[in-house]
Amino acid sequence: MESLGDLLKQLPGGGSALKQADKLMADLLADPLVGKLRGKYPELSDGIIRLNLNKIYQCTKEYRSCSNCPGLDNCPNDFEGHYTELSCETTGLLVQLNDRKVPCKKLLARQAENKIRSRVRSFYVDDRALSKGFSAEEIFNNDVERIEAVGQVIRYINSTKEHGLQPEGLYMTGRFGTGKTFLMCYMLHELAKAGYTGAIVYMPEFVEDLKSLMHEQGKLKETVDLMKETDLLIFDDIGAENLNPWVRDHVLGAILNYRMNRKPTFYTSNYGLDALEQHFSFTNKDGDELHKGQRIMDRIRPYVQPVHVTGHNKRGLK
């Protein structure tokens, strides 16, 4: 954005330049925004205003830009997402006009949204599902068949906002494509607004990735520690992974053992709790190990509220 000084430099030479400069200054003094400023600060004399014409010109120019905002990414102001705010300070007989850059509502909204997103980590889950917020009404109206499950999720969100982290998470089951992951992402996003951190982990890909992390102990510890400490942890599509004893006993078991009675853990699955226990009781390497499956389930079953999601398959629908 050009300054008043730059604008004056563009005026042609000769006697008419002074006249045009005077007209420019007169127009600026007649600006309604300057009238409001003088109404707020009656001590602003013509002399003080003339001494601060550059500040005032900047303020009026940016005000007009903001009034016809082209969007944050196309902000024409000198400092993107900010506008100039003027205030007057009087000390004895000295009157001083001060200017400062103030963030606009659009920038504040973006910063707030980025702060929310920074509280949530995604492991192998599409980030778009986390960044898309919906109102409770839209969540309810999206599919009336799953209204009971939606009600449970919203009650859980409201209870956490009112009472803090709960000892129990949610165990969400249902057919393919009924929106289990979507509802969990909605919960994460809503509770991130309230200041809670969270992570969502797509189990089939996570388990495959752990094979390479076995040889990167530092990265493995960092990942496991994050899952232990985050306020809200979601294991998405648990039961669909190709399980091995090391993942079950030393990774998943360690995470769940740490979190129980500390922080809630959440799950989405196509398996009920009994079927999940059978899944954890068998590995391709060691075959049936019923006590190992029971041991994991002792860290899941007592710490979840079952939620059954009904409805039609939404995958592929626009």
C-alpha atoms as a PDB file:
ATOM      1  CA  MET A   1       0.000   0.000   0.000  1.00  0.00           C
ATOM      2  CA  GLU A   2       1.399   3.408  -0.967  1.00  0.00           C
ATOM      3  CA  SER A   3       2.077   6.020   1.719  1.00  0.00           C
ATOM      4  CA  LEU A   4       0.964   9.617   1.658  1.00  0.00           C
ATOM      5  CA  GLY A   5       4.557  10.648   0.939  1.00  0.00           C
ATOM      6  CA  ASP A   6       4.663   8.359  -2.108  1.00  0.00           C
ATOM      7  CA  LEU A   7       1.379   9.798  -3.304  1.00  0.00           C
ATOM      8  CA  LEU A   8       2.638  13.397  -2.995  1.00  0.00           C
ATOM      9  CA  LYS A   9       5.788  12.527  -4.926  1.00  0.00           C
ATOM     10  CA  GLN A  10       3.634  11.497  -7.887  1.00  0.00           C
ATOM     11  CA  LEU A  11       2.135  14.986  -8.213  1.00  0.00           C
ATOM     12  CA  PRO A  12       3.425  17.034 -11.195  1.00  0.00           C
ATOM     13  CA  GLY A  13       5.857  19.922 -10.605  1.00  0.00           C
ATOM     14  CA  GLY A  14       5.014  23.601 -10.766  1.00  0.00           C
ATOM     15  CA  GLY A  15       2.641  25.794  -8.819  1.00  0.00           C
ATOM     16  CA  SER A  16      -0.291  23.436  -9.334  1.00  0.00           C
ATOM     17  CA  ALA A  17       1.489  20.756  -7.264  1.00  0.00           C
ATOM     18  CA  LEU A  18       0.965  22.699  -4.051  1.00  0.00           C
ATOM     19  CA  LYS A  19      -2.687  23.231  -4.866  1.00  0.00           C
ATOM     20  CA  GLN A  20      -3.178  19.517  -5.545  1.00  0.00           C
ATOM     21  CA  ALA A  21      -1.331  18.672  -2.347  1.00  0.00           C
ATOM     22  CA  ASP A  22      -3.561  21.037  -0.386  1.00  0.00           C
ATOM     23  CA  LYS A  23      -6.632  19.475  -1.999  1.00  0.00           C
ATOM     24  CA  LEU A  24      -5.402  16.016  -1.109  1.00  0.00           C
ATOM     25  CA  MET A  25      -4.936  17.062   2.497  1.00  0.00           C
ATOM     26  CA  ALA A  26      -8.322  18.823   2.565  1.00  0.00           C
ATOM     27  CA  ASP A  27     -10.024  15.675   1.248  1.00  0.00           C
ATOM     28  CA  LEU A  28      -8.292  13.654   3.914  1.00  0.00           C
ATOM     29  CA  LEU A  29      -9.391  16.046   6.655  1.00  0.00           C
ATOM     30  CA  ALA A  30     -12.969  15.795   5.351  1.00  0.00           C
ATOM     31  CA  ASP A  31     -12.931  11.984   5.500  1.00  0.00           C
ATOM     32  CA  PRO A  32     -15.782  10.692   7.745  1.00  0.00           C
ATOM     33  CA  LEU A  33     -13.308   8.427   9.546  1.00  0.00           C
ATOM     34  CA  VAL A  34     -11.237  11.473  10.512  1.00  0.00           C
ATOM     35  CA  GLY A  35     -14.464  13.133  11.692  1.00  0.00           C
ATOM     36  CA  LYS A  36     -15.133  10.148  13.977  1.00  0.00           C
ATOM     37  CA  LEU A  37     -11.577  10.310  15.240  1.00  0.00           C
ATOM     38  CA  ARG A  38     -11.945  14.010  16.107  1.00  0.00           C
ATOM     39  CA  GLY A  39     -15.278  13.281  17.767  1.00  0.00           C
ATOM     40  CA  LYS A  40     -13.562  10.720  19.981  1.00  0.00           C
ATOM     41  CA  TYR A  41     -10.569  12.958  20.651  1.00  0.00           C
ATOM     42  CA  PRO A  42     -11.713  16.644  20.570  1.00  0.00           C
ATOM     43  CA  GLU A  43      -8.210  17.735  21.527  1.00  0.00           C
ATOM     44  CA  LEU A  44      -6.998  16.921  17.993  1.00  0.00           C
ATOM     45  CA  SER A  45      -6.460  20.324  16.402  1.00  0.00           C
ATOM     46  CA  ASP A  46      -5.936  20.941  12.707  1.00  0.00           C
ATOM     47  CA  GLY A  47      -2.265  21.490  13.435  1.00  0.00           C
ATOM     48  CA  ILE A  48      -1.870  18.124  15.202  1.00  0.00           C
ATOM     49  CA  ILE A  49      -3.740  16.391  12.410  1.00  0.00           C
ATOM     50  CA  ARG A  50      -1.538  17.988   9.745  1.00  0.00           C
ATOM     51  CA  LEU A  51       1.574  16.855  11.619  1.00  0.00           C
ATOM     52  CA  ASN A  52       0.249  13.269  11.537  1.00  0.00           C
ATOM     53  CA  LEU A  53      -1.275  13.160   8.058  1.00  0.00           C
ATOM     54  CA  ASN A  54       0.775  10.117   7.057  1.00  0.00           C
ATOM     55  CA  LYS A  55      -0.614   8.057   9.972  1.00  0.00           C
ATOM     56  CA  ILE A  56      -4.142   9.245   9.261  1.00  0.00           C
ATOM     57  CA  TYR A  57      -3.836   8.566   5.536  1.00  0.00           C
ATOM     58  CA  GLN A  58      -2.611   5.025   6.285  1.00  0.00           C
ATOM     59  CA  CYS A  59      -5.535   4.460   8.650  1.00  0.00           C
ATOM     60  CA  THR A  60      -8.205   5.646   6.185  1.00  0.00           C
ATOM     61  CA  LYS A  61      -6.643   3.723   3.312  1.00  0.00           C
ATOM     62  CA  GLU A  62      -6.578   0.472   5.272  1.00  0.00           C
ATOM     63  CA  TYR A  63     -10.096   1.075   6.581  1.00  0.00           C
ATOM     64  CA  ARG A  64     -11.415   1.221   3.011  1.00  0.00           C
ATOM     65  CA  SER A  65      -9.480  -1.946   2.135  1.00  0.00           C
ATOM     66  CA  CYS A  66     -10.968  -3.762   5.130  1.00  0.00           C
ATOM     67  CA  SER A  67     -14.464  -2.545   4.279  1.00  0.00           C
ATOM     68  CA  ASN A  68     -14.115  -4.298   0.904  1.00  0.00           C
ATOM     69  CA  CYS A  69     -12.009  -7.185   2.162  1.00  0.00           C
ATOM     70  CA  PRO A  70     -10.837  -9.483  -0.668  1.00  0.00           C
ATOM     71  CA  GLY A  71      -9.951 -12.213   1.802  1.00  0.00           C
ATOM     72  CA  LEU A  72      -6.986 -12.787   4.075  1.00  0.00           C
ATOM     73  CA  ASP A  73      -4.803 -14.342   1.372  1.00  0.00           C
ATOM     74  CA  ASN A  74      -5.282 -11.261  -0.830  1.00  0.00           C
ATOM     75  CA  CYS A  75      -5.021  -8.633   1.915  1.00  0.00           C
ATOM     76  CA  PRO A  76      -3.739  -5.369   0.347  1.00  0.00           C
ATOM     77  CA  ASN A  77      -2.649  -3.817   3.654  1.00  0.00           C
ATOM     78  CA  ASP A  78       1.047  -3.375   4.389  1.00  0.00           C
ATOM     79  CA  PHE A  79       0.948  -5.915   7.221  1.00  0.00           C
ATOM     80  CA  GLU A  80      -1.229  -8.836   6.100  1.00  0.00           C
ATOM     81  CA  GLY A  81      -4.279  -9.347   8.296  1.00  0.00           C
ATOM     82  CA  HIS A  82      -3.720  -6.109  10.234  1.00  0.00           C
ATOM     83  CA  TYR A  83      -5.089  -2.582  10.106  1.00  0.00           C
ATOM     84  CA  THR A  84      -3.913   0.692  11.644  1.00  0.00           C
ATOM     85  CA  GLU A  85      -5.688   1.860  14.803  1.00  0.00           C
ATOM     86  CA  LEU A  86      -5.194   5.430  16.034  1.00  0.00           C
ATOM     87  CA  SER A  87      -5.385   6.704  19.605  1.00  0.00           C
ATOM     88  CA  CYS A  88      -4.658  10.058  21.221  1.00  0.00           C
ATOM     89  CA  GLU A  89      -2.582  10.647  24.337  1.00  0.00           C
ATOM     90  CA  THR A  90      -2.373  13.990  26.146  1.00  0.00           C
ATOM     91  CA  THR A  91       0.426  14.829  28.577  1.00  0.00           C
ATOM     92  CA  GLY A  92       0.146  18.371  29.893  1.00  0.00           C
ATOM     93  CA  LEU A  93      -0.096  20.574  26.798  1.00  0.00           C
ATOM     94  CA  LEU A  94       1.407  17.913  24.552  1.00  0.00           C
ATOM     95  CA  VAL A  95      -1.047  16.019  22.345  1.00  0.00           C
ATOM     96  CA  GLN A  96       0.324  12.930  20.631  1.00  0.00           C
ATOM     97  CA  LEU A  97      -1.394  10.767  18.013  1.00  0.00           C
ATOM     98  CA  ASN A  98      -0.304   7.119  18.263  1.00  0.00           C
ATOM     99  CA  ASP A  99      -0.773   4.345  15.731  1.00  0.00           C
ATOM    100  CA  ARG A 100      -0.580   0.582  16.136  1.00  0.00           C
ATOM    101  CA  LYS A 101      -1.218  -2.456  13.988  1.00  0.00           C
ATOM    102  CA  VAL A 102      -4.257  -4.501  15.061  1.00  0.00           C
ATOM    103  CA  PRO A 103      -5.078  -8.024  13.799  1.00  0.00           C
ATOM    104  CA  CYS A 104      -8.378  -8.262  11.931  1.00  0.00           C
ATOM    105  CA  LYS A 105     -11.166 -10.715  12.740  1.00  0.00           C
ATOM    106  CA  LYS A 106     -10.278 -12.968   9.822  1.00  0.00           C
ATOM    107  CA  LEU A 107      -6.670 -13.284  10.996  1.00  0.00           C
ATOM    108  CA  LEU A 108      -7.748 -13.932  14.581  1.00  0.00           C
ATOM    109  CA  ALA A 109     -10.154 -16.641  13.353  1.00  0.00           C
ATOM    110  CA  ARG A 110      -7.380 -18.275  11.315  1.00  0.00           C
ATOM    111  CA  GLN A 111      -4.953 -18.139  14.239  1.00  0.00           C
ATOM    112  CA  ALA A 112      -7.571 -19.681  16.531  1.00  0.00           C
ATOM    113  CA  GLU A 113      -8.248 -22.479  14.030  1.00  0.00           C
ATOM    114  CA  ASN A 114      -4.509 -23.134  13.591  1.00  0.00           C
ATOM    115  CA  LYS A 115      -4.131 -23.312  17.347  1.00  0.00           C
ATOM    116  CA  ILE A 116      -6.938 -25.871  17.489  1.00  0.00           C
ATOM    117  CA  ARG A 117      -5.317 -27.932  14.738  1.00  0.00           C
ATOM    118  CA  SER A 118      -1.954 -27.804  16.489  1.00  0.00           C
ATOM    119  CA  ARG A 119      -3.509 -29.603  19.465  1.00  0.00           C
ATOM    120  CA  VAL A 120      -4.485 -32.611  17.355  1.00  0.00           C
ATOM    121  CA  ARG A 121      -2.075 -35.068  15.729  1.00  0.00           C
ATOM    122  CA  SER A 122      -3.075 -37.442  12.967  1.00  0.00           C
ATOM    123  CA  PHE A 123      -1.307 -40.704  12.190  1.00  0.00           C
ATOM    124  CA  TYR A 124      -2.331 -41.984   8.750  1.00  0.00           C
ATOM    125  CA  VAL A 125      -5.782 -40.347   8.911  1.00  0.00           C
ATOM    126  CA  ASP A 126      -6.785 -37.720   6.328  1.00  0.00           C
ATOM    127  CA  ASP A 127      -6.214 -34.315   7.965  1.00  0.00           C
ATOM    128  CA  ARG A 128      -9.245 -32.916   6.137  1.00  0.00           C
ATOM    129  CA  ALA A 129     -11.475 -34.945   8.435  1.00  0.00           C
ATOM    130  CA  LEU A 130      -9.937 -33.139  11.414  1.00  0.00           C
ATOM    131  CA  SER A 131     -10.042 -29.617  10.034  1.00  0.00           C
ATOM    132  CA  LYS A 132     -13.684 -29.655   9.006  1.00  0.00           C
ATOM    133  CA  GLY A 133     -15.908 -28.403  11.793  1.00  0.00           C
ATOM    134  CA  PHE A 134     -19.682 -28.842  11.916  1.00  0.00           C
ATOM    135  CA  SER A 135     -22.395 -27.568  14.173  1.00  0.00           C
ATOM    136  CA  ALA A 136     -24.216 -30.012  16.421  1.00  0.00           C
ATOM    137  CA  GLU A 137     -27.349 -29.503  14.318  1.00  0.00           C
ATOM    138  CA  GLU A 138     -25.513 -30.510  11.133  1.00  0.00           C
ATOM    139  CA  ILE A 139     -24.080 -33.585  12.850  1.00  0.00           C
ATOM    140  CA  PHE A 140     -27.569 -34.635  13.929  1.00  0.00           C
ATOM    141  CA  ASN A 141     -29.160 -34.001  10.527  1.00  0.00           C
ATOM    142  CA  ASN A 142     -26.436 -35.737   8.493  1.00  0.00           C
ATOM    143  CA  ASP A 143     -28.037 -39.158   9.007  1.00  0.00           C
ATOM    144  CA  VAL A 144     -31.092 -39.600  11.223  1.00  0.00           C
ATOM    145  CA  GLU A 145     -30.382 -43.349  11.504  1.00  0.00           C
ATOM    146  CA  ARG A 146     -27.303 -42.704  13.631  1.00  0.00           C
ATOM    147  CA  ILE A 147     -28.905 -40.043  15.826  1.00  0.00           C
ATOM    148  CA  GLU A 148     -28.526 -42.124  19.007  1.00  0.00           C
ATOM    149  CA  ALA A 149     -24.764 -42.495  18.479  1.00  0.00           C
ATOM    150  CA  VAL A 150     -24.422 -38.808  17.673  1.00  0.00           C
ATOM    151  CA  GLY A 151     -26.279 -37.974  20.870  1.00  0.00           C
ATOM    152  CA  GLN A 152     -23.837 -40.094  22.901  1.00  0.00           C
ATOM    153  CA  VAL A 153     -20.842 -38.353  21.325  1.00  0.00           C
ATOM    154  CA  ILE A 154     -22.244 -34.874  21.935  1.00  0.00           C
ATOM    155  CA  ARG A 155     -23.147 -35.723  25.527  1.00  0.00           C
ATOM    156  CA  TYR A 156     -19.598 -36.969  26.011  1.00  0.00           C
ATOM    157  CA  ILE A 157     -18.185 -33.733  24.562  1.00  0.00           C
ATOM    158  CA  ASN A 158     -20.376 -31.583  26.787  1.00  0.00           C
ATOM    159  CA  SER A 159     -19.571 -33.652  29.882  1.00  0.00           C
ATOM    160  CA  THR A 160     -15.835 -33.326  29.235  1.00  0.00           C
ATOM    161  CA  LYS A 161     -16.128 -29.577  28.738  1.00  0.00           C
ATOM    162  CA  GLU A 162     -18.031 -29.290  32.013  1.00  0.00           C
ATOM    163  CA  HIS A 163     -16.177 -31.797  34.226  1.00  0.00           C
ATOM    164  CA  GLY A 164     -12.786 -32.303  32.542  1.00  0.00           C
ATOM    165  CA  LEU A 165     -11.185 -35.491  31.232  1.00  0.00           C
ATOM    166  CA  GLN A 166     -13.147 -38.623  32.071  1.00  0.00           C
ATOM    167  CA  PRO A 167     -11.732 -42.039  32.996  1.00  0.00           C
ATOM    168  CA  GLU A 168     -13.759 -43.717  30.232  1.00  0.00           C
ATOM    169  CA  GLY A 169     -13.496 -43.254  26.487  1.00  0.00           C
ATOM    170  CA  LEU A 170     -15.862 -44.471  23.762  1.00  0.00           C
ATOM    171  CA  TYR A 171     -15.794 -47.764  21.878  1.00  0.00           C
ATOM    172  CA  MET A 172     -17.558 -47.107  18.594  1.00  0.00           C
ATOM    173  CA  THR A 173     -18.735 -50.016  16.447  1.00  0.00           C
ATOM    174  CA  GLY A 174     -20.762 -50.200  13.267  1.00  0.00           C
ATOM    175  CA  ARG A 175     -20.742 -51.271   9.651  1.00  0.00           C
ATOM    176  CA  PHE A 176     -18.330 -49.932   7.059  1.00  0.00           C
ATOM    177  CA  GLY A 177     -18.832 -46.302   6.068  1.00  0.00           C
ATOM    178  CA  THR A 178     -21.352 -45.306   8.735  1.00  0.00           C
ATOM    179  CA  GLY A 179     -19.209 -42.391   9.913  1.00  0.00           C
ATOM    180  CA  LYS A 180     -17.399 -43.755  12.971  1.00  0.00           C
ATOM    181  CA  THR A 181     -14.102 -42.046  12.133  1.00  0.00           C
ATOM    182  CA  PHE A 182     -15.921 -38.856  11.192  1.00  0.00           C
ATOM    183  CA  LEU A 183     -17.674 -38.696  14.570  1.00  0.00           C
ATOM    184  CA  MET A 184     -14.402 -39.265  16.406  1.00  0.00           C
ATOM    185  CA  CYS A 185     -12.730 -36.495  14.408  1.00  0.00           C
ATOM    186  CA  TYR A 186     -15.652 -34.227  15.236  1.00  0.00           C
ATOM    187  CA  MET A 187     -15.167 -34.996  18.922  1.00  0.00           C
ATOM    188  CA  LEU A 188     -11.429 -34.263  18.701  1.00  0.00           C
ATOM    189  CA  HIS A 189     -12.029 -30.973  16.930  1.00  0.00           C
ATOM    190  CA  GLU A 190     -14.673 -29.836  19.417  1.00  0.00           C
ATOM    191  CA  LEU A 191     -12.575 -30.738  22.459  1.00  0.00           C
ATOM    192  CA  ALA A 192      -9.483 -29.149  20.912  1.00  0.00           C
ATOM    193  CA  LYS A 193     -11.477 -25.898  20.979  1.00  0.00           C
ATOM    194  CA  ALA A 194     -11.732 -26.408  24.730  1.00  0.00           C
ATOM    195  CA  GLY A 195      -7.941 -26.747  24.982  1.00  0.00           C
ATOM    196  CA  TYR A 196      -7.460 -30.522  24.963  1.00  0.00           C
ATOM    197  CA  THR A 197      -4.766 -32.258  22.926  1.00  0.00           C
ATOM    198  CA  GLY A 198      -5.535 -35.345  20.890  1.00  0.00           C
ATOM    199  CA  ALA A 199      -4.264 -37.916  18.414  1.00  0.00           C
ATOM    200  CA  ILE A 200      -5.996 -40.282  16.028  1.00  0.00           C
ATOM    201  CA  VAL A 201      -4.171 -43.384  14.777  1.00  0.00           C
ATOM    202  CA  TYR A 202      -5.263 -45.517  11.810  1.00  0.00           C
ATOM    203  CA  MET A 203      -4.299 -48.921  13.173  1.00  0.00           C
ATOM    204  CA  PRO A 204      -3.668 -50.997   9.990  1.00  0.00           C
ATOM    205  CA  GLU A 205      -1.044 -48.559   8.670  1.00  0.00           C
ATOM    206  CA  PHE A 206       0.355 -47.771  12.097  1.00  0.00           C
ATOM    207  CA  VAL A 207       1.101 -51.425  12.817  1.00  0.00           C
ATOM    208  CA  GLU A 208       2.850 -51.810   9.454  1.00  0.00           C
ATOM    209  CA  ASP A 209       4.917 -48.693  10.142  1.00  0.00           C
ATOM    210  CA  LEU A 210       5.973 -50.002  13.547  1.00  0.00           C
ATOM    211  CA  LYS A 211       8.048 -52.659  11.788  1.00  0.00           C
ATOM    212  CA  SER A 212      10.425 -49.977  10.524  1.00  0.00           C
ATOM    213  CA  LEU A 213      10.307 -48.066  13.808  1.00  0.00           C
ATOM    214  CA  MET A 214      11.713 -51.131  15.576  1.00  0.00           C
ATOM    215  CA  HIS A 215      15.090 -50.056  14.178  1.00  0.00           C
ATOM    216  CA  GLU A 216      14.605 -46.377  15.134  1.00  0.00           C
ATOM    217  CA  GLN A 217      14.298 -46.561  18.895  1.00  0.00           C
ATOM    218  CA  GLY A 218      14.362 -42.786  19.372  1.00  0.00           C
ATOM    219  CA  LYS A 219      11.489 -42.199  16.946  1.00  0.00           C
ATOM    220  CA  LEU A 220       9.564 -45.159  18.355  1.00  0.00           C
ATOM    221  CA  LYS A 221       9.861 -43.826  21.904  1.00  0.00           C
ATOM    222  CA  GLU A 222       8.783 -40.350  20.765  1.00  0.00           C
ATOM    223  CA  THR A 223       5.698 -41.775  19.037  1.00  0.00           C
ATOM    224  CA  VAL A 224       4.709 -44.008  21.951  1.00  0.00           C
ATOM    225  CA  ASP A 225       5.269 -41.211  24.480  1.00  0.00           C
ATOM    226  CA  LEU A 226       3.032 -38.872  22.475  1.00  0.00           C
ATOM    227  CA  MET A 227       0.254 -41.478  22.483  1.00  0.00           C
ATOM    228  CA  LYS A 228       0.684 -42.024  26.196  1.00  0.00           C
ATOM    229  CA  GLU A 229       0.541 -38.355  27.114  1.00  0.00           C
ATOM    230  CA  THR A 230      -2.026 -36.843  24.739  1.00  0.00           C
ATOM    231  CA  ASP A 231      -5.334 -36.021  26.424  1.00  0.00           C
ATOM    232  CA  LEU A 232      -7.501 -37.887  23.909  1.00  0.00           C
ATOM    233  CA  LEU A 233      -6.232 -40.907  21.964  1.00  0.00           C
ATOM    234  CA  ILE A 234      -8.245 -42.631  19.235  1.00  0.00           C
ATOM    235  CA  PHE A 235      -7.317 -46.003  17.739  1.00  0.00           C
ATOM    236  CA  ASP A 236      -9.178 -45.960  14.434  1.00  0.00           C
ATOM    237  CA  ASP A 237     -10.273 -49.248  12.816  1.00  0.00           C
ATOM    238  CA  ILE A 238      -8.753 -51.372  15.573  1.00  0.00           C
ATOM    239  CA  GLY A 239      -9.016 -55.064  14.782  1.00  0.00           C
ATOM    240  CA  ALA A 240      -8.250 -54.547  11.079  1.00  0.00           C
ATOM    241  CA  GLU A 241      -4.463 -54.638  11.596  1.00  0.00           C
ATOM    242  CA  ASN A 242      -2.177 -57.637  11.009  1.00  0.00           C
ATOM    243  CA  LEU A 243      -1.254 -58.161  14.624  1.00  0.00           C
ATOM    244  CA  ASN A 244       2.027 -59.493  15.930  1.00  0.00           C
ATOM    245  CA  PRO A 245       2.982 -60.246  19.562  1.00  0.00           C
ATOM    246  CA  TRP A 246       5.486 -57.379  19.832  1.00  0.00           C
ATOM    247  CA  VAL A 247       2.959 -54.741  18.742  1.00  0.00           C
ATOM    248  CA  ARG A 248       0.252 -56.187  20.967  1.00  0.00           C
ATOM    249  CA  ASP A 249       2.301 -56.692  24.121  1.00  0.00           C
ATOM    250  CA  HIS A 250       5.063 -54.088  23.994  1.00  0.00           C
ATOM    251  CA  VAL A 251       3.536 -51.179  22.079  1.00  0.00           C
ATOM    252  CA  LEU A 252      -0.253 -51.264  22.390  1.00  0.00           C
ATOM    253  CA  GLY A 253      -0.074 -52.875  25.824  1.00  0.00           C
ATOM    254  CA  ALA A 254       2.388 -50.280  27.105  1.00  0.00           C
ATOM    255  CA  ILE A 255       0.276 -47.376  25.824  1.00  0.00           C
ATOM    256  CA  LEU A 256      -2.950 -48.711  27.301  1.00  0.00           C
ATOM    257  CA  ASN A 257      -1.315 -49.690  30.587  1.00  0.00           C
ATOM    258  CA  TYR A 258      -0.084 -46.116  31.017  1.00  0.00           C
ATOM    259  CA  ARG A 259      -3.342 -44.434  30.027  1.00  0.00           C
ATOM    260  CA  MET A 260      -5.837 -46.454  32.067  1.00  0.00           C
ATOM    261  CA  ASN A 261      -7.067 -44.467  35.060  1.00  0.00           C
ATOM    262  CA  ARG A 262      -5.183 -41.456  33.675  1.00  0.00           C
ATOM    263  CA  LYS A 263      -6.635 -40.395  30.332  1.00  0.00           C
ATOM    264  CA  PRO A 264      -9.455 -41.696  28.106  1.00  0.00           C
ATOM    265  CA  THR A 265      -8.800 -43.838  25.044  1.00  0.00           C
ATOM    266  CA  PHE A 266     -11.265 -44.187  22.157  1.00  0.00           C
ATOM    267  CA  TYR A 267     -11.750 -46.802  19.474  1.00  0.00           C
ATOM    268  CA  THR A 268     -13.562 -47.320  16.201  1.00  0.00           C
ATOM    269  CA  SER A 269     -13.965 -50.868  14.987  1.00  0.00           C
ATOM    270  CA  ASN A 270     -16.038 -53.235  12.905  1.00  0.00           C
ATOM    271  CA  TYR A 271     -15.652 -55.706  15.774  1.00  0.00           C
ATOM    272  CA  GLY A 272     -17.565 -55.833  19.013  1.00  0.00           C
ATOM    273  CA  LEU A 273     -15.587 -56.129  22.245  1.00  0.00           C
ATOM    274  CA  ASP A 274     -15.837 -59.938  22.374  1.00  0.00           C
ATOM    275  CA  ALA A 275     -14.716 -60.302  18.762  1.00  0.00           C
ATOM    276  CA  LEU A 276     -11.839 -57.902  19.409  1.00  0.00           C
ATOM    277  CA  GLU A 277     -10.686 -60.110  22.276  1.00  0.00           C
ATOM    278  CA  GLN A 278     -10.556 -63.068  19.885  1.00  0.00           C
ATOM    279  CA  HIS A 279      -8.542 -60.939  17.461  1.00  0.00           C
ATOM    280  CA  PHE A 280      -6.005 -60.085  20.183  1.00  0.00           C
ATOM    281  CA  SER A 281      -5.808 -63.720  21.276  1.00  0.00           C
ATOM    282  CA  PHE A 282      -4.357 -64.968  17.990  1.00  0.00           C
ATOM    283  CA  THR A 283      -1.201 -64.050  16.069  1.00  0.00           C
ATOM    284  CA  ASN A 284       0.318 -65.680  13.011  1.00  0.00           C
ATOM    285  CA  LYS A 285       3.533 -66.243  14.935  1.00  0.00           C
ATOM    286  CA  ASP A 286       2.299 -67.768  18.202  1.00  0.00           C
ATOM    287  CA  GLY A 287      -1.230 -68.915  17.367  1.00  0.00           C
ATOM    288  CA  ASP A 288      -3.832 -68.819  20.133  1.00  0.00           C
ATOM    289  CA  GLU A 289      -2.826 -66.997  23.308  1.00  0.00           C
ATOM    290  CA  LEU A 290      -6.083 -66.462  25.117  1.00  0.00           C
ATOM    291  CA  HIS A 291      -4.501 -64.960  28.221  1.00  0.00           C
ATOM    292  CA  LYS A 292      -2.688 -62.343  26.088  1.00  0.00           C
ATOM    293  CA  GLY A 293      -5.966 -61.309  24.475  1.00  0.00           C
ATOM    294  CA  GLN A 294      -7.676 -61.113  27.865  1.00  0.00           C
ATOM    295  CA  ARG A 295      -4.804 -59.054  29.244  1.00  0.00           C
ATOM    296  CA  ILE A 296      -5.207 -56.400  26.529  1.00  0.00           C
ATOM    297  CA  MET A 297      -8.975 -56.382  26.885  1.00  0.00           C
ATOM    298  CA  ASP A 298      -8.619 -55.797  30.641  1.00  0.00           C
ATOM    299  CA  ARG A 299      -7.097 -52.468  29.611  1.00  0.00           C
ATOM    300  CA  ILE A 300      -9.918 -51.676  27.172  1.00  0.00           C
ATOM    301  CA  ARG A 301     -13.261 -53.101  28.248  1.00  0.00           C
ATOM    302  CA  PRO A 302     -13.566 -51.459  31.711  1.00  0.00           C
ATOM    303  CA  TYR A 303     -12.538 -48.051  30.329  1.00  0.00           C
ATOM    304  CA  VAL A 304     -14.988 -47.519  27.480  1.00  0.00           C
ATOM    305  CA  GLN A 305     -18.632 -46.735  26.901  1.00  0.00           C
ATOM    306  CA  PRO A 306     -19.936 -48.785  23.932  1.00  0.00           C
ATOM    307  CA  VAL A 307     -21.450 -46.756  21.083  1.00  0.00           C
ATOM    308  CA  HIS A 308     -23.153 -48.490  18.163  1.00  0.00           C
ATOM    309  CA  VAL A 309     -23.352 -46.470  14.958  1.00  0.00           C
ATOM    310  CA  THR A 310     -26.159 -47.396  12.585  1.00  0.00           C
ATOM    311  CA  GLY A 311     -26.974 -45.877   9.215  1.00  0.00           C
ATOM    312  CA  HIS A 312     -26.128 -46.287   5.547  1.00  0.00           C
ATOM    313  CA  ASN A 313     -22.684 -46.457   3.953  1.00  0.00           C
ATOM    314  CA  LYS A 314     -21.607 -42.918   3.060  1.00  0.00           C
ATOM    315  CA  ARG A 315     -18.359 -43.742   1.309  1.00  0.00           C
ATOM    316  CA  GLY A 316     -18.322 -42.549  -2.266  1.00  0.00           C
ATOM    317  CA  LEU A 317     -21.297 -40.241  -1.662  1.00  0.00           C
ATOM    318  CA  LYS A 318     -20.999 -36.462  -2.194  1.00  0.00           C
END
